[in-house]
Amino acid sequence: MLPAAAVVYFPWEINTGSLREGESSLKRPLSTQYASAQHKVVVHTLFVEPFDAIIGAQYMVLGEIENSEGGGVVVRARVLNCVDGVNLVLFQKAVNQQRSFFQERESKVTPPN
């Protein structure tokens, strides 16, 4: 049997707090602009070190979302790729189409009450 499909989140869909003083240098903030707002996500990079971020580059992070002690969330990166040149509008459309497909499939599988 195959594992469940992964859930894709965009940075503006994750509620995070800002990086606090004294946190490990393995927790790096990544940010993006969406709908005239700046969104920041804290990424724990222990499993993908050495990671030298390029300012202004676009990254795709695969990993688990965990609650942090300060009430925000941290993405524990398992894969971290630079995706400069990817058409983000097309990528977002593909993710939304995939979400619609999974929702439709889930509604067909779940028996009506």
PDB file of N, CA and C in Angstrom:
ATOM      1  N   MET A   1       0.842  -1.172   0.000  1.00  0.00           N
ATOM      2  CA  MET A   1       0.000   0.000   0.000  1.00  0.00           C
ATOM      3  C   MET A   1       0.892   1.242   0.000  1.00  0.00           C
ATOM      4  N   LEU A   2       0.505   2.240  -0.746  1.00  0.00           N
ATOM      5  CA  LEU A   2       1.266   3.480  -0.832  1.00  0.00           C
ATOM      6  C   LEU A   2       1.001   4.366   0.379  1.00  0.00           C
ATOM      7  N   PRO A   3       1.983   5.171   0.781  1.00  0.00           N
ATOM      8  CA  PRO A   3       1.741   6.113   1.878  1.00  0.00           C
ATOM      9  C   PRO A   3       0.790   7.213   1.423  1.00  0.00           C
ATOM     10  N   ALA A   4       0.224   7.911   2.377  1.00  0.00           N
ATOM     11  CA  ALA A   4      -0.699   9.003   2.057  1.00  0.00           C
ATOM     12  C   ALA A   4       0.041  10.098   1.291  1.00  0.00           C
ATOM     13  N   ALA A   5      -0.690  10.804   0.455  1.00  0.00           N
ATOM     14  CA  ALA A   5      -0.097  11.894  -0.317  1.00  0.00           C
ATOM     15  C   ALA A   5       0.312  13.025   0.615  1.00  0.00           C
ATOM     16  N   ALA A   6       1.390  13.677   0.269  1.00  0.00           N
ATOM     17  CA  ALA A   6       1.879  14.798   1.074  1.00  0.00           C
ATOM     18  C   ALA A   6       0.970  16.003   0.891  1.00  0.00           C
ATOM     19  N   VAL A   7       0.923  16.838   1.897  1.00  0.00           N
ATOM     20  CA  VAL A   7       0.150  18.072   1.836  1.00  0.00           C
ATOM     21  C   VAL A   7       1.115  19.201   1.514  1.00  0.00           C
ATOM     22  N   VAL A   8       0.756  20.036   0.547  1.00  0.00           N
ATOM     23  CA  VAL A   8       1.596  21.157   0.142  1.00  0.00           C
ATOM     24  C   VAL A   8       1.063  22.426   0.785  1.00  0.00           C
ATOM     25  N   TYR A   9       1.949  23.191   1.420  1.00  0.00           N
ATOM     26  CA  TYR A   9       1.591  24.484   1.992  1.00  0.00           C
ATOM     27  C   TYR A   9       2.488  25.550   1.388  1.00  0.00           C
ATOM     28  N   PHE A  10       1.921  26.696   1.096  1.00  0.00           N
ATOM     29  CA  PHE A  10       2.696  27.848   0.675  1.00  0.00           C
ATOM     30  C   PHE A  10       3.064  28.645   1.919  1.00  0.00           C
ATOM     31  N   PRO A  11       4.127  29.449   1.862  1.00  0.00           N
ATOM     32  CA  PRO A  11       4.537  30.192   3.061  1.00  0.00           C
ATOM     33  C   PRO A  11       3.430  31.040   3.674  1.00  0.00           C
ATOM     34  N   TRP A  12       2.548  31.604   2.855  1.00  0.00           N
ATOM     35  CA  TRP A  12       1.487  32.451   3.388  1.00  0.00           C
ATOM     36  C   TRP A  12       0.357  31.639   4.026  1.00  0.00           C
ATOM     37  N   GLU A  13       0.417  30.323   3.927  1.00  0.00           N
ATOM     38  CA  GLU A  13      -0.590  29.469   4.554  1.00  0.00           C
ATOM     39  C   GLU A  13      -0.132  28.933   5.910  1.00  0.00           C
ATOM     40  N   ILE A  14       1.095  29.233   6.277  1.00  0.00           N
ATOM     41  CA  ILE A  14       1.638  28.742   7.541  1.00  0.00           C
ATOM     42  C   ILE A  14       1.726  29.906   8.506  1.00  0.00           C
ATOM     43  N   ASN A  15       1.149  29.746   9.692  1.00  0.00           N
ATOM     44  CA  ASN A  15       1.178  30.801  10.697  1.00  0.00           C
ATOM     45  C   ASN A  15       2.448  30.654  11.518  1.00  0.00           C
ATOM     46  N   THR A  16       3.344  31.640  11.431  1.00  0.00           N
ATOM     47  CA  THR A  16       4.598  31.558  12.176  1.00  0.00           C
ATOM     48  C   THR A  16       4.837  32.823  12.964  1.00  0.00           C
ATOM     49  N   GLY A  17       5.654  32.691  13.989  1.00  0.00           N
ATOM     50  CA  GLY A  17       6.143  33.852  14.716  1.00  0.00           C
ATOM     51  C   GLY A  17       7.506  34.212  14.158  1.00  0.00           C
ATOM     52  N   SER A  18       8.046  35.301  14.614  1.00  0.00           N
ATOM     53  CA  SER A  18       9.369  35.700  14.136  1.00  0.00           C
ATOM     54  C   SER A  18      10.449  34.950  14.899  1.00  0.00           C
ATOM     55  N   LEU A  19      11.625  34.920  14.339  1.00  0.00           N
ATOM     56  CA  LEU A  19      12.752  34.237  14.958  1.00  0.00           C
ATOM     57  C   LEU A  19      13.160  34.994  16.208  1.00  0.00           C
ATOM     58  N   ARG A  20      13.257  34.298  17.334  1.00  0.00           N
ATOM     59  CA  ARG A  20      13.606  34.929  18.604  1.00  0.00           C
ATOM     60  C   ARG A  20      15.112  34.897  18.820  1.00  0.00           C
ATOM     61  N   GLU A  21      15.580  35.856  19.601  1.00  0.00           N
ATOM     62  CA  GLU A  21      17.005  35.918  19.920  1.00  0.00           C
ATOM     63  C   GLU A  21      17.412  34.672  20.690  1.00  0.00           C
ATOM     64  N   GLY A  22      18.545  34.104  20.339  1.00  0.00           N
ATOM     65  CA  GLY A  22      19.044  32.932  21.040  1.00  0.00           C
ATOM     66  C   GLY A  22      18.653  31.614  20.407  1.00  0.00           C
ATOM     67  N   GLU A  23      17.815  31.624  19.371  1.00  0.00           N
ATOM     68  CA  GLU A  23      17.458  30.370  18.716  1.00  0.00           C
ATOM     69  C   GLU A  23      18.658  29.852  17.937  1.00  0.00           C
ATOM     70  N   SER A  24      18.661  28.572  17.715  1.00  0.00           N
ATOM     71  CA  SER A  24      19.761  27.920  17.007  1.00  0.00           C
ATOM     72  C   SER A  24      19.929  28.505  15.612  1.00  0.00           C
ATOM     73  N   SER A  25      21.172  28.545  15.160  1.00  0.00           N
ATOM     74  CA  SER A  25      21.430  29.030  13.808  1.00  0.00           C
ATOM     75  C   SER A  25      20.940  28.037  12.762  1.00  0.00           C
ATOM     76  N   LEU A  26      20.536  26.847  13.192  1.00  0.00           N
ATOM     77  CA  LEU A  26      19.980  25.868  12.262  1.00  0.00           C
ATOM     78  C   LEU A  26      18.536  26.195  11.906  1.00  0.00           C
ATOM     79  N   LYS A  27      17.957  27.163  12.580  1.00  0.00           N
ATOM     80  CA  LYS A  27      16.604  27.611  12.255  1.00  0.00           C
ATOM     81  C   LYS A  27      16.733  28.910  11.480  1.00  0.00           C
ATOM     82  N   ARG A  28      16.371  28.845  10.221  1.00  0.00           N
ATOM     83  CA  ARG A  28      16.560  29.986   9.331  1.00  0.00           C
ATOM     84  C   ARG A  28      15.213  30.504   8.847  1.00  0.00           C
ATOM     85  N   PRO A  29      15.032  31.806   8.852  1.00  0.00           N
ATOM     86  CA  PRO A  29      13.780  32.357   8.324  1.00  0.00           C
ATOM     87  C   PRO A  29      13.838  32.472   6.801  1.00  0.00           C
ATOM     88  N   LEU A  30      12.813  31.977   6.129  1.00  0.00           N
ATOM     89  CA  LEU A  30      12.640  32.188   4.695  1.00  0.00           C
ATOM     90  C   LEU A  30      11.387  33.034   4.541  1.00  0.00           C
ATOM     91  N   SER A  31      11.392  33.961   3.615  1.00  0.00           N
ATOM     92  CA  SER A  31      10.231  34.837   3.473  1.00  0.00           C
ATOM     93  C   SER A  31       9.843  34.968   2.011  1.00  0.00           C
ATOM     94  N   THR A  32       8.600  35.395   1.803  1.00  0.00           N
ATOM     95  CA  THR A  32       8.087  35.616   0.458  1.00  0.00           C
ATOM     96  C   THR A  32       7.049  36.724   0.499  1.00  0.00           C
ATOM     97  N   GLN A  33       6.805  37.312  -0.643  1.00  0.00           N
ATOM     98  CA  GLN A  33       5.782  38.346  -0.789  1.00  0.00           C
ATOM     99  C   GLN A  33       4.593  37.712  -1.492  1.00  0.00           C
ATOM    100  N   TYR A  34       3.397  37.899  -0.921  1.00  0.00           N
ATOM    101  CA  TYR A  34       2.186  37.369  -1.544  1.00  0.00           C
ATOM    102  C   TYR A  34       1.034  38.275  -1.164  1.00  0.00           C
ATOM    103  N   ALA A  35       0.272  38.717  -2.137  1.00  0.00           N
ATOM    104  CA  ALA A  35      -0.891  39.577  -1.912  1.00  0.00           C
ATOM    105  C   ALA A  35      -0.509  40.788  -1.062  1.00  0.00           C
ATOM    106  N   SER A  36       0.546  41.454  -1.445  1.00  0.00           N
ATOM    107  CA  SER A  36       1.070  42.671  -0.810  1.00  0.00           C
ATOM    108  C   SER A  36       1.416  42.508   0.666  1.00  0.00           C
ATOM    109  N   ALA A  37       1.667  41.302   1.104  1.00  0.00           N
ATOM    110  CA  ALA A  37       2.079  41.056   2.493  1.00  0.00           C
ATOM    111  C   ALA A  37       3.338  40.200   2.492  1.00  0.00           C
ATOM    112  N   GLN A  38       4.181  40.430   3.476  1.00  0.00           N
ATOM    113  CA  GLN A  38       5.408  39.652   3.632  1.00  0.00           C
ATOM    114  C   GLN A  38       5.113  38.480   4.560  1.00  0.00           C
ATOM    115  N   HIS A  39       5.449  37.261   4.150  1.00  0.00           N
ATOM    116  CA  HIS A  39       5.209  36.058   4.943  1.00  0.00           C
ATOM    117  C   HIS A  39       6.549  35.408   5.249  1.00  0.00           C
ATOM    118  N   LYS A  40       6.728  34.996   6.518  1.00  0.00           N
ATOM    119  CA  LYS A  40       7.995  34.418   6.950  1.00  0.00           C
ATOM    120  C   LYS A  40       7.742  33.040   7.540  1.00  0.00           C
ATOM    121  N   VAL A  41       8.599  32.098   7.177  1.00  0.00           N
ATOM    122  CA  VAL A  41       8.529  30.731   7.688  1.00  0.00           C
ATOM    123  C   VAL A  41       9.905  30.388   8.252  1.00  0.00           C
ATOM    124  N   VAL A  42       9.921  29.794   9.439  1.00  0.00           N
ATOM    125  CA  VAL A  42      11.181  29.368  10.039  1.00  0.00           C
ATOM    126  C   VAL A  42      11.433  27.918   9.629  1.00  0.00           C
ATOM    127  N   VAL A  43      12.624  27.659   9.080  1.00  0.00           N
ATOM    128  CA  VAL A  43      12.983  26.329   8.587  1.00  0.00           C
ATOM    129  C   VAL A  43      14.165  25.806   9.396  1.00  0.00           C
ATOM    130  N   HIS A  44      14.002  24.611   9.957  1.00  0.00           N
ATOM    131  CA  HIS A  44      15.084  23.955  10.701  1.00  0.00           C
ATOM    132  C   HIS A  44      15.887  23.160   9.685  1.00  0.00           C
ATOM    133  N   THR A  45      17.177  23.488   9.550  1.00  0.00           N
ATOM    134  CA  THR A  45      17.987  22.940   8.458  1.00  0.00           C
ATOM    135  C   THR A  45      18.996  21.882   8.896  1.00  0.00           C
ATOM    136  N   LEU A  46      18.818  21.278  10.064  1.00  0.00           N
ATOM    137  CA  LEU A  46      19.778  20.306  10.581  1.00  0.00           C
ATOM    138  C   LEU A  46      20.064  19.182   9.582  1.00  0.00           C
ATOM    139  N   PHE A  47      19.025  18.646   8.938  1.00  0.00           N
ATOM    140  CA  PHE A  47      19.190  17.490   8.057  1.00  0.00           C
ATOM    141  C   PHE A  47      19.646  17.853   6.644  1.00  0.00           C
ATOM    142  N   VAL A  48      19.758  19.140   6.339  1.00  0.00           N
ATOM    143  CA  VAL A  48      20.168  19.553   4.989  1.00  0.00           C
ATOM    144  C   VAL A  48      21.429  20.420   5.023  1.00  0.00           C
ATOM    145  N   GLU A  49      22.151  20.380   6.137  1.00  0.00           N
ATOM    146  CA  GLU A  49      23.382  21.173   6.244  1.00  0.00           C
ATOM    147  C   GLU A  49      24.496  20.526   5.428  1.00  0.00           C
ATOM    148  N   PRO A  50      25.403  21.272   4.865  1.00  0.00           N
ATOM    149  CA  PRO A  50      25.506  22.723   4.963  1.00  0.00           C
ATOM    150  C   PRO A  50      24.531  23.400   4.004  1.00  0.00           C
ATOM    151  N   PHE A  51      23.839  24.405   4.498  1.00  0.00           N
ATOM    152  CA  PHE A  51      22.876  25.159   3.695  1.00  0.00           C
ATOM    153  C   PHE A  51      23.291  26.619   3.705  1.00  0.00           C
ATOM    154  N   ASP A  52      23.761  27.101   2.581  1.00  0.00           N
ATOM    155  CA  ASP A  52      24.135  28.503   2.431  1.00  0.00           C
ATOM    156  C   ASP A  52      23.101  29.166   1.540  1.00  0.00           C
ATOM    157  N   ALA A  53      22.159  29.843   2.163  1.00  0.00           N
ATOM    158  CA  ALA A  53      21.075  30.478   1.420  1.00  0.00           C
ATOM    159  C   ALA A  53      21.608  31.617   0.563  1.00  0.00           C
ATOM    160  N   ILE A  54      21.001  31.774  -0.587  1.00  0.00           N
ATOM    161  CA  ILE A  54      21.312  32.881  -1.481  1.00  0.00           C
ATOM    162  C   ILE A  54      20.184  33.892  -1.329  1.00  0.00           C
ATOM    163  N   ILE A  55      20.521  35.099  -0.933  1.00  0.00           N
ATOM    164  CA  ILE A  55      19.500  36.130  -0.736  1.00  0.00           C
ATOM    165  C   ILE A  55      18.806  36.407  -2.060  1.00  0.00           C
ATOM    166  N   GLY A  56      17.487  36.366  -2.047  1.00  0.00           N
ATOM    167  CA  GLY A  56      16.693  36.608  -3.242  1.00  0.00           C
ATOM    168  C   GLY A  56      16.353  35.355  -4.027  1.00  0.00           C
ATOM    169  N   ALA A  57      16.966  34.228  -3.683  1.00  0.00           N
ATOM    170  CA  ALA A  57      16.674  32.979  -4.388  1.00  0.00           C
ATOM    171  C   ALA A  57      15.372  32.378  -3.869  1.00  0.00           C
ATOM    172  N   GLN A  58      14.766  31.533  -4.676  1.00  0.00           N
ATOM    173  CA  GLN A  58      13.527  30.857  -4.292  1.00  0.00           C
ATOM    174  C   GLN A  58      13.856  29.418  -3.929  1.00  0.00           C
ATOM    175  N   TYR A  59      13.253  28.947  -2.829  1.00  0.00           N
ATOM    176  CA  TYR A  59      13.520  27.598  -2.338  1.00  0.00           C
ATOM    177  C   TYR A  59      12.217  26.835  -2.152  1.00  0.00           C
ATOM    178  N   MET A  60      12.282  25.523  -2.387  1.00  0.00           N
ATOM    179  CA  MET A  60      11.174  24.632  -2.071  1.00  0.00           C
ATOM    180  C   MET A  60      11.656  23.727  -0.945  1.00  0.00           C
ATOM    181  N   VAL A  61      10.853  23.648   0.116  1.00  0.00           N
ATOM    182  CA  VAL A  61      11.219  22.873   1.296  1.00  0.00           C
ATOM    183  C   VAL A  61      10.255  21.710   1.432  1.00  0.00           C
ATOM    184  N   LEU A  62      10.787  20.495   1.557  1.00  0.00           N
ATOM    185  CA  LEU A  62       9.985  19.321   1.856  1.00  0.00           C
ATOM    186  C   LEU A  62      10.344  18.888   3.264  1.00  0.00           C
ATOM    187  N   GLY A  63       9.341  18.692   4.104  1.00  0.00           N
ATOM    188  CA  GLY A  63       9.611  18.300   5.479  1.00  0.00           C
ATOM    189  C   GLY A  63       8.347  18.253   6.300  1.00  0.00           C
ATOM    190  N   GLU A  64       8.530  18.244   7.610  1.00  0.00           N
ATOM    191  CA  GLU A  64       7.399  18.162   8.535  1.00  0.00           C
ATOM    192  C   GLU A  64       7.207  19.504   9.230  1.00  0.00           C
ATOM    193  N   ILE A  65       5.955  19.842   9.487  1.00  0.00           N
ATOM    194  CA  ILE A  65       5.634  21.050  10.242  1.00  0.00           C
ATOM    195  C   ILE A  65       5.502  20.655  11.701  1.00  0.00           C
ATOM    196  N   GLU A  66       6.230  21.363  12.566  1.00  0.00           N
ATOM    197  CA  GLU A  66       6.203  21.083  14.002  1.00  0.00           C
ATOM    198  C   GLU A  66       5.860  22.358  14.757  1.00  0.00           C
ATOM    199  N   ASN A  67       5.214  22.207  15.907  1.00  0.00           N
ATOM    200  CA  ASN A  67       4.957  23.353  16.772  1.00  0.00           C
ATOM    201  C   ASN A  67       6.240  23.712  17.499  1.00  0.00           C
ATOM    202  N   SER A  68       6.532  25.001  17.586  1.00  0.00           N
ATOM    203  CA  SER A  68       7.717  25.433  18.329  1.00  0.00           C
ATOM    204  C   SER A  68       7.293  25.853  19.729  1.00  0.00           C
ATOM    205  N   GLU A  69       8.273  26.013  20.602  1.00  0.00           N
ATOM    206  CA  GLU A  69       7.978  26.347  21.988  1.00  0.00           C
ATOM    207  C   GLU A  69       7.326  27.712  22.124  1.00  0.00           C
ATOM    208  N   GLY A  70       7.600  28.628  21.216  1.00  0.00           N
ATOM    209  CA  GLY A  70       7.065  29.983  21.295  1.00  0.00           C
ATOM    210  C   GLY A  70       5.656  30.127  20.761  1.00  0.00           C
ATOM    211  N   GLY A  71       5.038  29.046  20.331  1.00  0.00           N
ATOM    212  CA  GLY A  71       3.675  29.113  19.824  1.00  0.00           C
ATOM    213  C   GLY A  71       3.578  29.151  18.313  1.00  0.00           C
ATOM    214  N   GLY A  72       4.680  29.363  17.621  1.00  0.00           N
ATOM    215  CA  GLY A  72       4.670  29.348  16.166  1.00  0.00           C
ATOM    216  C   GLY A  72       4.926  27.945  15.649  1.00  0.00           C
ATOM    217  N   VAL A  73       5.247  27.858  14.381  1.00  0.00           N
ATOM    218  CA  VAL A  73       5.579  26.566  13.794  1.00  0.00           C
ATOM    219  C   VAL A  73       6.944  26.649  13.125  1.00  0.00           C
ATOM    220  N   VAL A  74       7.573  25.492  12.996  1.00  0.00           N
ATOM    221  CA  VAL A  74       8.867  25.364  12.334  1.00  0.00           C
ATOM    222  C   VAL A  74       8.745  24.231  11.328  1.00  0.00           C
ATOM    223  N   VAL A  75       9.274  24.426  10.135  1.00  0.00           N
ATOM    224  CA  VAL A  75       9.328  23.356   9.143  1.00  0.00           C
ATOM    225  C   VAL A  75      10.677  22.667   9.300  1.00  0.00           C
ATOM    226  N   ARG A  76      10.658  21.368   9.628  1.00  0.00           N
ATOM    227  CA  ARG A  76      11.901  20.593   9.745  1.00  0.00           C
ATOM    228  C   ARG A  76      12.206  20.049   8.350  1.00  0.00           C
ATOM    229  N   ALA A  77      13.167  20.692   7.681  1.00  0.00           N
ATOM    230  CA  ALA A  77      13.472  20.384   6.283  1.00  0.00           C
ATOM    231  C   ALA A  77      14.143  19.024   6.135  1.00  0.00           C
ATOM    232  N   ARG A  78      13.638  18.223   5.215  1.00  0.00           N
ATOM    233  CA  ARG A  78      14.279  16.967   4.810  1.00  0.00           C
ATOM    234  C   ARG A  78      14.931  17.140   3.441  1.00  0.00           C
ATOM    235  N   VAL A  79      14.317  17.978   2.611  1.00  0.00           N
ATOM    236  CA  VAL A  79      14.854  18.311   1.291  1.00  0.00           C
ATOM    237  C   VAL A  79      14.699  19.815   1.120  1.00  0.00           C
ATOM    238  N   LEU A  80      15.726  20.458   0.633  1.00  0.00           N
ATOM    239  CA  LEU A  80      15.701  21.906   0.420  1.00  0.00           C
ATOM    240  C   LEU A  80      16.362  22.180  -0.922  1.00  0.00           C
ATOM    241  N   ASN A  81      15.567  22.626  -1.891  1.00  0.00           N
ATOM    242  CA  ASN A  81      16.073  22.847  -3.248  1.00  0.00           C
ATOM    243  C   ASN A  81      15.890  24.290  -3.662  1.00  0.00           C
ATOM    244  N   CYS A  82      16.875  24.824  -4.352  1.00  0.00           N
ATOM    245  CA  CYS A  82      16.750  26.135  -4.974  1.00  0.00           C
ATOM    246  C   CYS A  82      15.932  25.938  -6.253  1.00  0.00           C
ATOM    247  N   VAL A  83      14.855  26.698  -6.390  1.00  0.00           N
ATOM    248  CA  VAL A  83      13.965  26.531  -7.544  1.00  0.00           C
ATOM    249  C   VAL A  83      13.860  27.829  -8.343  1.00  0.00           C
ATOM    250  N   ASP A  84      14.952  28.571  -8.421  1.00  0.00           N
ATOM    251  CA  ASP A  84      14.953  29.779  -9.248  1.00  0.00           C
ATOM    252  C   ASP A  84      14.581  29.403 -10.674  1.00  0.00           C
ATOM    253  N   GLY A  85      13.724  30.187 -11.271  1.00  0.00           N
ATOM    254  CA  GLY A  85      13.303  29.933 -12.637  1.00  0.00           C
ATOM    255  C   GLY A  85      12.000  29.171 -12.748  1.00  0.00           C
ATOM    256  N   VAL A  86      11.490  28.634 -11.637  1.00  0.00           N
ATOM    257  CA  VAL A  86      10.213  27.924 -11.668  1.00  0.00           C
ATOM    258  C   VAL A  86       9.090  28.952 -11.806  1.00  0.00           C
ATOM    259  N   ASN A  87       8.137  28.677 -12.666  1.00  0.00           N
ATOM    260  CA  ASN A  87       6.975  29.545 -12.825  1.00  0.00           C
ATOM    261  C   ASN A  87       6.063  29.322 -11.620  1.00  0.00           C
ATOM    262  N   LEU A  88       6.127  30.229 -10.639  1.00  0.00           N
ATOM    263  CA  LEU A  88       5.384  30.037  -9.395  1.00  0.00           C
ATOM    264  C   LEU A  88       3.876  30.118  -9.580  1.00  0.00           C
ATOM    265  N   VAL A  89       3.413  30.918 -10.532  1.00  0.00           N
ATOM    266  CA  VAL A  89       1.972  30.993 -10.793  1.00  0.00           C
ATOM    267  C   VAL A  89       1.477  29.646 -11.299  1.00  0.00           C
ATOM    268  N   LEU A  90       2.213  29.048 -12.213  1.00  0.00           N
ATOM    269  CA  LEU A  90       1.844  27.734 -12.741  1.00  0.00           C
ATOM    270  C   LEU A  90       1.950  26.660 -11.659  1.00  0.00           C
ATOM    271  N   PHE A  91       2.985  26.743 -10.812  1.00  0.00           N
ATOM    272  CA  PHE A  91       3.148  25.796  -9.709  1.00  0.00           C
ATOM    273  C   PHE A  91       1.973  25.894  -8.739  1.00  0.00           C
ATOM    274  N   GLN A  92       1.557  27.116  -8.413  1.00  0.00           N
ATOM    275  CA  GLN A  92       0.427  27.301  -7.502  1.00  0.00           C
ATOM    276  C   GLN A  92      -0.862  26.752  -8.114  1.00  0.00           C
ATOM    277  N   LYS A  93      -1.060  26.953  -9.408  1.00  0.00           N
ATOM    278  CA  LYS A  93      -2.238  26.388 -10.076  1.00  0.00           C
ATOM    279  C   LYS A  93      -2.223  24.863 -10.002  1.00  0.00           C
ATOM    280  N   ALA A  94      -1.052  24.265 -10.204  1.00  0.00           N
ATOM    281  CA  ALA A  94      -0.933  22.804 -10.146  1.00  0.00           C
ATOM    282  C   ALA A  94      -1.242  22.288  -8.747  1.00  0.00           C
ATOM    283  N   VAL A  95      -0.744  22.969  -7.718  1.00  0.00           N
ATOM    284  CA  VAL A  95      -1.016  22.560  -6.337  1.00  0.00           C
ATOM    285  C   VAL A  95      -2.501  22.686  -6.033  1.00  0.00           C
ATOM    286  N   ASN A  96      -3.126  23.771  -6.457  1.00  0.00           N
ATOM    287  CA  ASN A  96      -4.565  23.942  -6.222  1.00  0.00           C
ATOM    288  C   ASN A  96      -5.377  22.883  -6.958  1.00  0.00           C
ATOM    289  N   GLN A  97      -4.956  22.527  -8.167  1.00  0.00           N
ATOM    290  CA  GLN A  97      -5.635  21.466  -8.922  1.00  0.00           C
ATOM    291  C   GLN A  97      -5.489  20.129  -8.208  1.00  0.00           C
ATOM    292  N   GLN A  98      -4.296  19.854  -7.674  1.00  0.00           N
ATOM    293  CA  GLN A  98      -4.070  18.619  -6.928  1.00  0.00           C
ATOM    294  C   GLN A  98      -4.942  18.579  -5.674  1.00  0.00           C
ATOM    295  N   ARG A  99      -5.038  19.699  -4.968  1.00  0.00           N
ATOM    296  CA  ARG A  99      -5.894  19.769  -3.777  1.00  0.00           C
ATOM    297  C   ARG A  99      -7.349  19.475  -4.134  1.00  0.00           C
ATOM    298  N   SER A 100      -7.814  20.057  -5.233  1.00  0.00           N
ATOM    299  CA  SER A 100      -9.194  19.809  -5.674  1.00  0.00           C
ATOM    300  C   SER A 100      -9.408  18.335  -5.985  1.00  0.00           C
ATOM    301  N   PHE A 101      -8.439  17.728  -6.658  1.00  0.00           N
ATOM    302  CA  PHE A 101      -8.533  16.310  -6.985  1.00  0.00           C
ATOM    303  C   PHE A 101      -8.630  15.464  -5.726  1.00  0.00           C
ATOM    304  N   PHE A 102      -7.743  15.731  -4.741  1.00  0.00           N
ATOM    305  CA  PHE A 102      -7.757  14.952  -3.500  1.00  0.00           C
ATOM    306  C   PHE A 102      -9.053  15.161  -2.722  1.00  0.00           C
ATOM    307  N   GLN A 103      -9.577  16.384  -2.702  1.00  0.00           N
ATOM    308  CA  GLN A 103     -10.845  16.639  -2.013  1.00  0.00           C
ATOM    309  C   GLN A 103     -11.987  15.891  -2.691  1.00  0.00           C
ATOM    310  N   GLU A 104     -12.004  15.916  -4.015  1.00  0.00           N
ATOM    311  CA  GLU A 104     -13.049  15.210  -4.759  1.00  0.00           C
ATOM    312  C   GLU A 104     -12.946  13.706  -4.534  1.00  0.00           C
ATOM    313  N   ARG A 105     -11.734  13.177  -4.573  1.00  0.00           N
ATOM    314  CA  ARG A 105     -11.526  11.750  -4.349  1.00  0.00           C
ATOM    315  C   ARG A 105     -11.934  11.360  -2.933  1.00  0.00           C
ATOM    316  N   GLU A 106     -11.589  12.199  -1.955  1.00  0.00           N
ATOM    317  CA  GLU A 106     -11.934  11.927  -0.561  1.00  0.00           C
ATOM    318  C   GLU A 106     -13.451  11.939  -0.360  1.00  0.00           C
ATOM    319  N   SER A 107     -14.146  12.849  -1.025  1.00  0.00           N
ATOM    320  CA  SER A 107     -15.602  12.914  -0.870  1.00  0.00           C
ATOM    321  C   SER A 107     -16.283  11.698  -1.502  1.00  0.00           C
ATOM    322  N   LYS A 108     -15.678  11.109  -2.536  1.00  0.00           N
ATOM    323  CA  LYS A 108     -16.243   9.909  -3.156  1.00  0.00           C
ATOM    324  C   LYS A 108     -15.985   8.671  -2.314  1.00  0.00           C
ATOM    325  N   VAL A 109     -14.848   8.642  -1.601  1.00  0.00           N
ATOM    326  CA  VAL A 109     -14.478   7.489  -0.784  1.00  0.00           C
ATOM    327  C   VAL A 109     -15.277   7.460   0.508  1.00  0.00           C
ATOM    328  N   THR A 110     -15.503   8.623   1.116  1.00  0.00           N
ATOM    329  CA  THR A 110     -16.221   8.703   2.381  1.00  0.00           C
ATOM    330  C   THR A 110     -17.697   8.400   2.150  1.00  0.00           C
ATOM    331  N   PRO A 111     -18.240   7.375   2.826  1.00  0.00           N
ATOM    332  CA  PRO A 111     -19.658   7.060   2.637  1.00  0.00           C
ATOM    333  C   PRO A 111     -20.539   8.150   3.251  1.00  0.00           C
ATOM    334  N   PRO A 112     -21.640   8.487   2.592  1.00  0.00           N
ATOM    335  CA  PRO A 112     -22.540   9.518   3.135  1.00  0.00           C
ATOM    336  C   PRO A 112     -23.210   9.029   4.416  1.00  0.00           C
ATOM    337  N   ASN A 113     -23.436   9.946   5.340  1.00  0.00           N
ATOM    338  CA  ASN A 113     -24.096   9.608   6.621  1.00  0.00           C
ATOM    339  C   ASN A 113     -25.585   9.736   6.518  1.00  0.00           C
TER     340      ASN A 113
END
